[in-house]
Protein backbone atom coordinates (compact mmCIF):
# COMPACT_ATOMS: atom_id res chain seq x y z
CA MET A 1 -9.20 -25.27 11.99
CA ARG A 2 -10.01 -26.63 8.52
CA THR A 3 -12.14 -24.52 6.15
CA LEU A 4 -13.49 -25.26 2.67
CA ILE A 5 -14.39 -22.47 0.25
CA GLU A 6 -16.63 -24.00 -2.41
CA ASN A 7 -18.68 -22.91 -5.42
CA ILE A 8 -15.88 -20.60 -6.67
CA ALA A 9 -16.33 -19.37 -10.25
CA GLU A 10 -12.62 -18.60 -10.65
CA ILE A 11 -9.50 -18.72 -8.50
CA ALA A 12 -6.96 -16.18 -9.71
CA ALA A 13 -3.84 -17.85 -8.32
CA VAL A 14 -1.40 -14.96 -8.40
CA ARG A 15 2.12 -16.35 -8.01
CA PRO A 16 4.39 -15.23 -5.16
CA GLY A 17 6.18 -11.97 -5.91
CA PRO A 18 8.02 -10.25 -7.23
CA VAL A 19 6.39 -11.02 -10.58
CA ARG A 20 8.20 -9.25 -13.38
CA GLY A 21 7.16 -7.69 -16.68
CA PRO A 22 5.02 -9.82 -19.01
CA ALA A 23 4.54 -12.50 -16.32
CA MET A 24 2.29 -10.04 -14.47
CA ASP A 25 -0.43 -10.69 -17.06
CA ALA A 26 -0.14 -14.49 -16.87
CA VAL A 27 -2.15 -15.18 -13.74
CA PRO A 28 -3.14 -18.88 -13.57
CA ARG A 29 -6.92 -19.31 -13.41
CA THR A 30 -8.90 -22.30 -12.15
CA LEU A 31 -12.61 -22.35 -13.05
CA ASP A 32 -15.36 -24.06 -11.03
CA ALA A 33 -12.94 -24.33 -8.14
CA ALA A 34 -12.55 -24.93 -4.42
CA LEU A 35 -9.91 -24.02 -1.84
CA VAL A 36 -8.97 -25.53 1.52
CA ILE A 37 -7.50 -23.59 4.45
CA GLU A 38 -5.81 -25.32 7.36
CA ASP A 39 -5.26 -23.07 10.33
CA ALA A 40 -3.75 -19.87 8.87
CA ALA A 41 -2.44 -21.23 5.55
CA ILE A 42 -3.66 -22.30 2.13
CA ALA A 43 -3.53 -26.13 2.10
CA TRP A 44 -5.03 -26.94 -1.31
CA PHE A 45 -6.81 -25.36 -4.26
CA GLY A 46 -7.98 -26.66 -7.62
CA PRO A 47 -11.05 -27.94 -9.50
CA ARG A 48 -14.06 -28.41 -7.26
CA SER A 49 -14.44 -31.99 -8.55
CA ALA A 50 -11.03 -32.85 -7.05
CA ALA A 51 -11.51 -31.17 -3.67
CA PRO A 52 -10.29 -33.13 -0.62
CA ALA A 53 -12.87 -34.88 1.51
CA GLY A 54 -14.01 -33.46 4.84
CA PRO A 55 -14.61 -33.12 7.66
CA PHE A 56 -14.36 -29.34 7.73
CA ASP A 57 -14.85 -27.02 10.66
CA ALA A 58 -16.45 -24.45 8.36
CA VAL A 59 -17.70 -24.31 4.78
CA VAL A 60 -17.89 -21.00 2.95
CA ASP A 61 -20.11 -20.71 -0.12
CA ALA A 62 -18.48 -18.38 -2.67
CA ASP A 63 -21.83 -18.28 -4.48
CA GLY A 64 -20.23 -18.11 -7.92
CA GLY A 65 -17.77 -15.38 -7.04
CA ALA A 66 -14.05 -15.27 -7.74
CA VAL A 67 -11.34 -15.76 -5.11
CA VAL A 68 -8.19 -13.61 -5.20
CA PRO A 69 -5.41 -12.78 -2.73
CA GLY A 70 -6.10 -10.09 -0.17
CA PHE A 71 -4.97 -6.68 -1.34
CA VAL A 72 -1.67 -5.35 0.00
CA ASP A 73 -1.80 -1.55 0.19
CA CYS A 74 1.93 -0.86 0.29
CA HIS A 75 1.93 2.97 0.38
CA THR A 76 -0.47 4.96 2.57
CA HIS A 77 -0.61 7.93 4.92
CA ALA A 78 -3.76 6.55 6.56
CA VAL A 79 -3.21 8.00 10.05
CA PHE A 80 -3.89 11.75 10.16
CA ALA A 81 -6.25 14.30 11.64
CA GLY A 82 -8.22 17.02 9.92
CA SER A 83 -9.23 17.34 6.28
CA ARG A 84 -8.31 19.46 3.27
CA GLU A 85 -11.38 19.70 1.08
CA GLY A 86 -10.72 23.42 0.68
CA GLU A 87 -7.60 22.63 -1.35
CA PHE A 88 -9.73 20.39 -3.56
CA VAL A 89 -11.68 23.47 -4.57
CA GLU A 90 -8.48 25.54 -4.94
CA ARG A 91 -7.13 23.01 -7.45
CA ILE A 92 -10.41 23.01 -9.38
CA ARG A 93 -9.93 26.77 -9.70
CA GLY A 94 -6.44 26.34 -11.13
CA ARG A 95 -3.85 26.23 -8.33
CA THR A 96 -1.37 23.35 -8.45
CA TYR A 97 -0.47 21.05 -5.59
CA LEU A 98 3.05 22.48 -5.47
CA GLU A 99 1.76 26.09 -5.43
CA ILE A 100 -0.48 25.28 -2.49
CA LEU A 101 2.40 23.59 -0.66
CA GLU A 102 4.83 26.47 -1.26
CA ALA A 103 2.19 28.93 0.01
CA GLY A 104 2.13 27.12 3.34
CA GLY A 105 -0.82 24.81 2.69
CA GLY A 106 -0.87 21.15 1.79
CA ILE A 107 1.04 18.97 4.22
CA HIS A 108 1.43 21.90 6.65
CA ARG A 109 -2.33 22.06 7.29
CA THR A 110 -2.44 18.38 8.11
CA VAL A 111 0.60 18.77 10.38
CA GLU A 112 -1.25 21.38 12.44
CA ALA A 113 -4.28 19.13 12.86
CA THR A 114 -2.22 16.01 13.60
CA ARG A 115 -0.05 17.78 16.17
CA SER A 116 -3.22 18.97 17.92
CA ALA A 117 -4.67 15.45 18.08
CA THR A 118 -3.89 13.06 20.91
CA GLU A 119 -2.55 9.57 20.31
CA ASP A 120 -5.93 8.14 21.33
CA GLU A 121 -7.69 10.38 18.81
CA LEU A 122 -5.36 9.27 16.03
CA VAL A 123 -6.04 5.63 16.91
CA ARG A 124 -9.81 6.21 16.87
CA ILE A 125 -9.69 7.99 13.50
CA GLY A 126 -7.29 5.43 12.05
CA ALA A 127 -9.35 2.46 13.25
CA ALA A 128 -12.44 3.71 11.41
CA ARG A 129 -10.41 4.21 8.26
CA LEU A 130 -8.81 0.75 8.45
CA ALA A 131 -12.23 -0.84 8.97
CA ARG A 132 -13.38 0.67 5.68
CA MET A 133 -10.17 -0.43 3.95
CA LEU A 134 -10.62 -3.97 5.27
CA ALA A 135 -14.21 -4.08 4.00
CA ALA A 136 -12.82 -3.09 0.58
CA GLY A 137 -10.32 -5.96 0.64
CA SER A 138 -7.08 -4.58 2.07
CA THR A 139 -5.66 -7.24 4.41
CA THR A 140 -2.22 -5.59 4.80
CA VAL A 141 -1.66 -1.82 4.92
CA GLU A 142 1.56 0.14 5.20
CA ILE A 143 1.13 3.42 7.11
CA LYS A 144 3.66 6.25 7.20
CA SER A 145 4.26 8.89 9.81
CA GLY A 146 5.19 12.31 8.44
CA TYR A 147 2.44 14.59 9.70
CA GLY A 148 4.13 15.19 13.04
CA LEU A 149 7.40 16.66 11.74
CA SER A 150 8.99 16.80 15.19
CA PRO A 151 10.45 14.02 17.34
CA GLU A 152 7.55 14.21 19.81
CA HIS A 153 4.77 14.10 17.25
CA GLU A 154 6.44 11.59 14.93
CA LEU A 155 6.73 9.22 17.90
CA LYS A 156 3.06 9.88 18.70
CA MET A 157 2.05 8.95 15.16
CA LEU A 158 4.18 5.81 15.10
CA ARG A 159 2.81 4.64 18.44
CA ALA A 160 -0.73 5.16 17.14
CA ILE A 161 0.18 3.13 14.04
CA ARG A 162 1.62 0.34 16.21
CA ARG A 163 -1.52 0.29 18.38
CA LEU A 164 -3.68 -0.01 15.28
CA GLY A 165 -1.68 -3.02 14.17
CA ARG A 166 -2.40 -4.73 17.49
CA SER A 167 -6.08 -3.84 17.85
CA GLN A 168 -7.81 -4.84 14.60
CA PRO A 169 -7.46 -7.50 11.86
CA VAL A 170 -5.55 -5.58 9.18
CA GLU A 171 -1.81 -6.27 9.24
CA VAL A 172 -0.16 -2.87 9.67
CA VAL A 173 3.39 -1.98 8.61
CA GLY A 174 4.91 1.23 9.99
CA SER A 175 7.24 3.58 8.10
CA TYR A 176 9.18 6.56 9.48
CA LEU A 177 8.52 9.50 7.14
CA ALA A 178 9.85 12.35 9.27
CA ALA A 179 11.43 13.66 6.04
CA HIS A 180 8.04 14.41 4.51
CA ALA A 181 8.37 18.19 4.51
CA VAL A 182 10.30 20.90 6.29
CA PRO A 183 8.04 22.21 9.10
CA ARG A 184 7.30 25.90 9.27
CA GLU A 185 9.47 26.47 12.35
CA PHE A 186 12.47 25.21 10.35
CA ALA A 187 11.70 27.15 7.15
CA GLY A 188 14.90 27.56 5.14
CA ARG A 189 16.79 25.23 7.53
CA ALA A 190 16.14 21.76 6.17
CA ASP A 191 19.46 20.35 7.41
CA ALA A 192 18.83 21.59 10.94
CA TYR A 193 15.41 19.93 10.85
CA LEU A 194 16.98 16.65 9.73
CA ASP A 195 19.40 16.90 12.64
CA SER A 196 16.42 16.92 15.00
CA VAL A 197 14.76 13.80 13.55
CA LEU A 198 17.99 11.84 13.05
CA GLU A 199 19.29 11.92 16.61
CA ASP A 200 20.72 8.54 17.60
CA GLY A 201 18.57 8.36 20.72
CA LEU A 202 15.38 8.90 18.74
CA LEU A 203 16.24 6.31 16.10
CA GLU A 204 17.28 3.82 18.76
CA ARG A 205 13.85 4.24 20.38
CA LEU A 206 12.12 3.61 17.06
CA TYR A 207 13.98 0.34 16.66
CA ALA A 208 13.76 -0.76 20.30
CA GLU A 209 10.01 -0.12 20.47
CA ASP A 210 9.41 -1.76 17.05
CA LEU A 211 7.69 1.38 15.79
CA ALA A 212 8.77 1.18 12.14
CA GLU A 213 10.31 -1.19 9.61
CA PHE A 214 11.06 1.36 6.90
CA ALA A 215 12.35 4.91 6.51
CA ASP A 216 10.87 7.05 3.75
CA VAL A 217 11.66 10.50 2.37
CA PHE A 218 9.90 12.94 0.03
CA CYS A 219 12.74 13.73 -2.37
CA GLU A 220 11.35 16.64 -4.35
CA ARG A 221 11.51 20.35 -5.00
CA GLY A 222 10.07 22.13 -1.98
CA ALA A 223 10.88 19.17 0.27
CA PHE A 224 14.31 17.45 0.42
CA GLU A 225 17.13 17.45 -2.11
CA THR A 226 18.80 14.20 -3.14
CA ALA A 227 21.82 14.73 -0.87
CA GLN A 228 19.54 15.38 2.10
CA ALA A 229 17.40 12.36 1.21
CA GLU A 230 20.51 10.18 1.05
CA ARG A 231 21.67 11.42 4.42
CA PHE A 232 18.29 10.69 5.98
CA LEU A 233 18.01 7.17 4.55
CA ARG A 234 21.61 6.17 5.28
CA THR A 235 21.34 7.34 8.88
CA CYS A 236 18.04 5.50 9.38
CA ALA A 237 19.49 2.37 7.77
CA ARG A 238 22.22 2.27 10.41
CA HIS A 239 19.41 1.88 12.93
CA GLY A 240 17.67 -0.96 11.08
CA LEU A 241 15.12 0.99 9.01
CA ARG A 242 15.07 -0.15 5.38
CA PRO A 243 14.90 2.64 2.77
CA LYS A 244 11.95 3.71 0.63
CA LEU A 245 11.50 6.91 -1.38
CA HIS A 246 8.78 9.19 -2.68
CA ALA A 247 10.50 9.55 -6.06
CA ASP A 248 10.08 11.44 -9.33
CA GLN A 249 6.56 12.60 -8.51
CA ILE A 250 6.47 16.27 -9.48
CA THR A 251 9.90 16.82 -11.03
CA GLN A 252 12.73 14.61 -12.25
CA CYS A 253 15.43 15.19 -9.65
CA GLY A 254 17.17 11.82 -9.64
CA ALA A 255 15.26 10.33 -6.73
CA SER A 256 14.59 6.97 -8.36
CA ARG A 257 18.26 6.66 -9.29
CA LEU A 258 19.13 7.40 -5.66
CA GLY A 259 16.73 4.66 -4.55
CA GLU A 260 18.33 2.12 -6.85
CA ARG A 261 21.81 3.09 -5.68
CA LEU A 262 20.83 2.73 -2.01
CA GLY A 263 19.11 -0.60 -2.58
CA ALA A 264 15.73 0.82 -1.58
CA VAL A 265 12.92 -1.67 -1.06
CA SER A 266 10.73 0.51 -3.27
CA VAL A 267 10.60 3.79 -5.15
CA ASP A 268 7.08 5.19 -5.18
CA HIS A 269 5.08 7.55 -7.44
CA LEU A 270 7.38 7.76 -10.54
CA GLU A 271 5.07 10.03 -12.54
CA LYS A 272 8.18 11.79 -13.91
CA ILE A 273 10.47 8.79 -14.33
CA ASP A 274 12.18 8.57 -17.73
CA ALA A 275 13.99 5.92 -19.76
CA GLU A 276 17.36 6.90 -18.31
CA CYS A 277 16.06 6.22 -14.78
CA ILE A 278 14.12 3.07 -15.70
CA ALA A 279 17.21 1.30 -17.04
CA PRO A 280 19.09 0.98 -13.70
CA LEU A 281 16.01 -0.44 -11.97
CA ARG A 282 16.08 -3.46 -14.30
CA GLY A 283 19.12 -4.87 -12.55
CA SER A 284 17.94 -4.11 -9.02
CA GLN A 285 15.60 -5.63 -6.43
CA THR A 286 13.82 -2.27 -5.95
CA ILE A 287 10.05 -2.40 -6.56
CA PRO A 288 8.45 0.49 -8.52
CA VAL A 289 5.19 1.42 -6.77
CA LEU A 290 2.64 3.40 -8.78
CA LEU A 291 -0.15 5.51 -7.27
CA PRO A 292 -2.77 6.23 -9.94
CA GLY A 293 -5.21 7.61 -7.38
CA CYS A 294 -2.91 10.59 -6.97
CA SER A 295 -2.82 11.25 -10.72
CA PHE A 296 -6.60 10.93 -10.86
CA PHE A 297 -7.26 13.24 -7.91
CA LEU A 298 -4.72 15.90 -8.94
CA ASN A 299 -5.54 15.60 -12.65
CA THR A 300 -1.89 15.07 -13.57
CA LYS A 301 -0.12 12.82 -16.04
CA PRO A 302 0.18 9.29 -14.60
CA ALA A 303 3.31 7.19 -14.30
CA PRO A 304 4.47 5.28 -17.43
CA ALA A 305 3.31 1.85 -16.30
CA ARG A 306 3.60 0.28 -19.73
CA ALA A 307 7.23 1.35 -20.09
CA LEU A 308 8.04 -0.06 -16.65
CA ILE A 309 6.30 -3.39 -17.33
CA ASP A 310 7.80 -3.67 -20.80
CA ALA A 311 11.22 -3.16 -19.21
CA GLY A 312 10.60 -6.31 -17.17
CA LEU A 313 10.01 -4.61 -13.82
CA PRO A 314 7.69 -5.88 -11.04
CA VAL A 315 5.27 -2.96 -10.84
CA ALA A 316 3.19 -2.57 -7.65
CA LEU A 317 0.09 -0.49 -6.92
CA ALA A 318 -1.16 1.29 -3.79
CA THR A 319 -3.80 3.83 -2.81
CA ASP A 320 -1.50 6.57 -1.40
CA CYS A 321 -4.44 7.17 0.97
CA ASN A 322 -3.88 10.68 2.34
CA PRO A 323 -5.88 13.87 2.97
CA GLY A 324 -4.48 16.03 0.18
CA SER A 325 -3.60 14.20 -3.03
CA SER A 326 -5.40 10.83 -2.86
CA PRO A 327 -8.13 10.45 -0.24
CA ILE A 328 -8.86 6.98 -1.64
CA GLU A 329 -9.26 3.96 0.65
CA SER A 330 -10.37 1.34 -1.91
CA MET A 331 -7.82 -0.88 -3.64
CA SER A 332 -10.44 -2.14 -6.09
CA LEU A 333 -10.88 1.46 -7.27
CA ILE A 334 -7.10 1.65 -7.69
CA LEU A 335 -7.23 -1.47 -9.90
CA SER A 336 -9.85 0.25 -12.07
CA LEU A 337 -7.75 3.43 -12.30
CA ALA A 338 -4.67 1.39 -13.18
CA CYS A 339 -6.53 -0.13 -16.10
CA CYS A 340 -8.11 3.13 -17.27
CA LEU A 341 -5.23 5.58 -16.65
CA LEU A 342 -2.11 3.40 -16.77
CA ARG A 343 -3.39 0.98 -19.48
CA MET A 344 -2.61 -2.06 -17.35
CA THR A 345 -4.64 -5.21 -17.90
CA PRO A 346 -6.86 -6.43 -15.05
CA ALA A 347 -4.49 -9.35 -14.42
CA GLU A 348 -1.47 -7.02 -14.31
CA ALA A 349 -3.30 -4.72 -11.92
CA LEU A 350 -4.24 -7.61 -9.62
CA THR A 351 -0.64 -8.88 -9.57
CA ALA A 352 0.56 -5.35 -8.82
CA ALA A 353 -1.91 -4.95 -5.94
CA THR A 354 -1.02 -8.29 -4.34
CA ALA A 355 2.23 -10.16 -5.07
CA ASN A 356 4.32 -7.16 -6.09
CA ALA A 357 2.89 -4.95 -3.37
CA ALA A 358 3.85 -7.67 -0.88
CA ALA A 359 7.39 -7.58 -2.31
CA ALA A 360 7.42 -3.80 -1.76
CA LEU A 361 6.94 -4.55 1.96
CA GLY A 362 9.38 -7.45 2.15
CA ARG A 363 6.55 -9.95 2.69
CA ALA A 364 6.28 -11.76 -0.65
CA ASP A 365 7.29 -15.05 0.95
CA ARG A 366 4.00 -15.30 2.87
CA ILE A 367 1.30 -12.91 1.55
CA GLY A 368 0.03 -11.52 -1.74
CA ALA A 369 -0.37 -14.85 -3.55
CA ILE A 370 -2.47 -17.98 -3.74
CA ALA A 371 0.04 -20.77 -3.20
CA VAL A 372 0.09 -23.81 -0.94
CA GLY A 373 1.71 -22.80 2.34
CA HIS A 374 1.07 -19.10 1.86
CA GLN A 375 -0.88 -17.24 4.53
CA ALA A 376 -4.61 -17.47 3.84
CA ASP A 377 -5.29 -13.78 3.24
CA LEU A 378 -8.08 -14.11 0.69
CA LEU A 379 -11.03 -12.27 -0.80
CA VAL A 380 -14.26 -13.84 -1.95
CA LEU A 381 -15.74 -11.48 -4.51
CA ASP A 382 -19.30 -11.03 -5.70
CA VAL A 383 -18.07 -10.91 -9.31
CA PRO A 384 -17.04 -14.05 -11.26
CA ASN A 385 -13.64 -13.01 -12.59
CA VAL A 386 -10.75 -10.56 -12.44
CA GLU A 387 -11.97 -8.62 -15.45
CA ARG A 388 -15.25 -7.75 -13.68
CA LEU A 389 -13.28 -6.83 -10.55
CA ALA A 390 -11.55 -4.06 -12.50
CA SER A 391 -14.32 -3.04 -14.90
CA ASP A 392 -17.11 -2.57 -12.35
CA VAL A 393 -15.78 0.84 -11.41
CA GLY A 394 -16.73 2.61 -8.21
CA ARG A 395 -18.40 -0.11 -6.18
CA ASN A 396 -17.07 -2.54 -3.62
CA PRO A 397 -16.91 -6.06 -5.15
CA VAL A 398 -15.63 -7.70 -1.94
CA ARG A 399 -18.06 -10.05 -0.16
CA ILE A 400 -15.89 -11.97 2.34
CA VAL A 401 -12.41 -11.19 3.67
CA PHE A 402 -10.09 -13.79 5.20
CA LYS A 403 -7.03 -12.84 7.24
CA ARG A 404 -4.71 -15.62 8.43
CA GLY A 405 -7.41 -18.16 7.59
CA HIS A 406 -10.22 -16.51 9.57
CA VAL A 407 -13.20 -14.56 8.26
CA VAL A 408 -12.67 -10.98 9.43
CA HIS A 409 -15.36 -9.32 7.30
CA PRO A 410 -18.33 -9.57 7.52
CA PRO A 411 -18.92 -10.98 11.03
CA VAL A 412 -18.72 -14.76 11.18
CA ALA A 413 -22.43 -14.95 12.05
CA ASP A 414 -23.15 -14.10 8.41
CA SER A 415 -24.99 -16.96 6.68
CA THR A 416 -22.21 -17.42 4.10
CA VAL A 417 -20.15 -19.28 6.71
CA LYS A 418 -21.57 -22.65 7.70
CA PRO A 419 -20.25 -24.95 10.43
């Protein structure tokens, strides 16, 4: 199939990731542009006056909007049951996230609801959430387990995540986050809990059934110490699960340094990272993933994005979509928060939400960029440029979503797509 997108105000041709430091702000722009898709890949893009001749199977009118890569949401907890709006009110009244967690709330409430839900219920809830995320421009979404906190329920979550990846257009990446918290039945016995979720038979099933690509751990006070986190990630790595970490979110406990030492694909959060921990990342392939929605929702100090970018690192962004600390599904809102809270430019934020987020999932060779031969995961916006994408805060600027060269939102019958 050959498709022409015409009448594009601006193509923001983000380069393939990882894009480091100052280069994040140097996104090539083509004005008054067109783009050609052949089958699932980008075949050509450039000035509209130089567009290749037809015939085309379909012509899409961008109507003066910009075209950017599809968003890659590289850190989410988007499969869960229940809700925690009561904690929202508790925090407004002065309790901290950590105080709520240590009192038995937080993650533990979601664990109860998720354990009570069937796999089919988790798929139904997750499908509705992914449909909203797709409409907001997310064409690839990583989803973690971690609300089961037992072999049985972690497997249930991962199977629901796998089913979601096979049943709707969003590309889904599964991560094994059994080390998210110590469940109540193992209170004070974190190592015994890890024994239960690190059994060889369990990890072999994860790999054999293709249930996860990554292993992740919440390395933090009240969760898992660095030695326990290292044990979890090294054991999972022996079974083919690449390491990621929730790092330096609430306290500085050396988690990002552990991630660098283990060759983690990414270290995520980093609100408490300091200069001593930034320095080792400069010589590594580990991607720092920032989650400004969490800082916004919890009213906490955000990660030092400018220090990370100025150090030449390939910063990525994600929603951290979850029921307790960032119930945000929209990547365009995350771009706005990155500009307002992290002082990133709109071009830096776009690069972080596409090319570098793809690198944080090991997929930078095919998604997250506008380059000939790259997979045609694209957004047609109803705003003319990247600056409006970030500055029009709180509304959805996405008009058309392509995944693998096909329009997946809105339905193809929409009048914007012409045979």
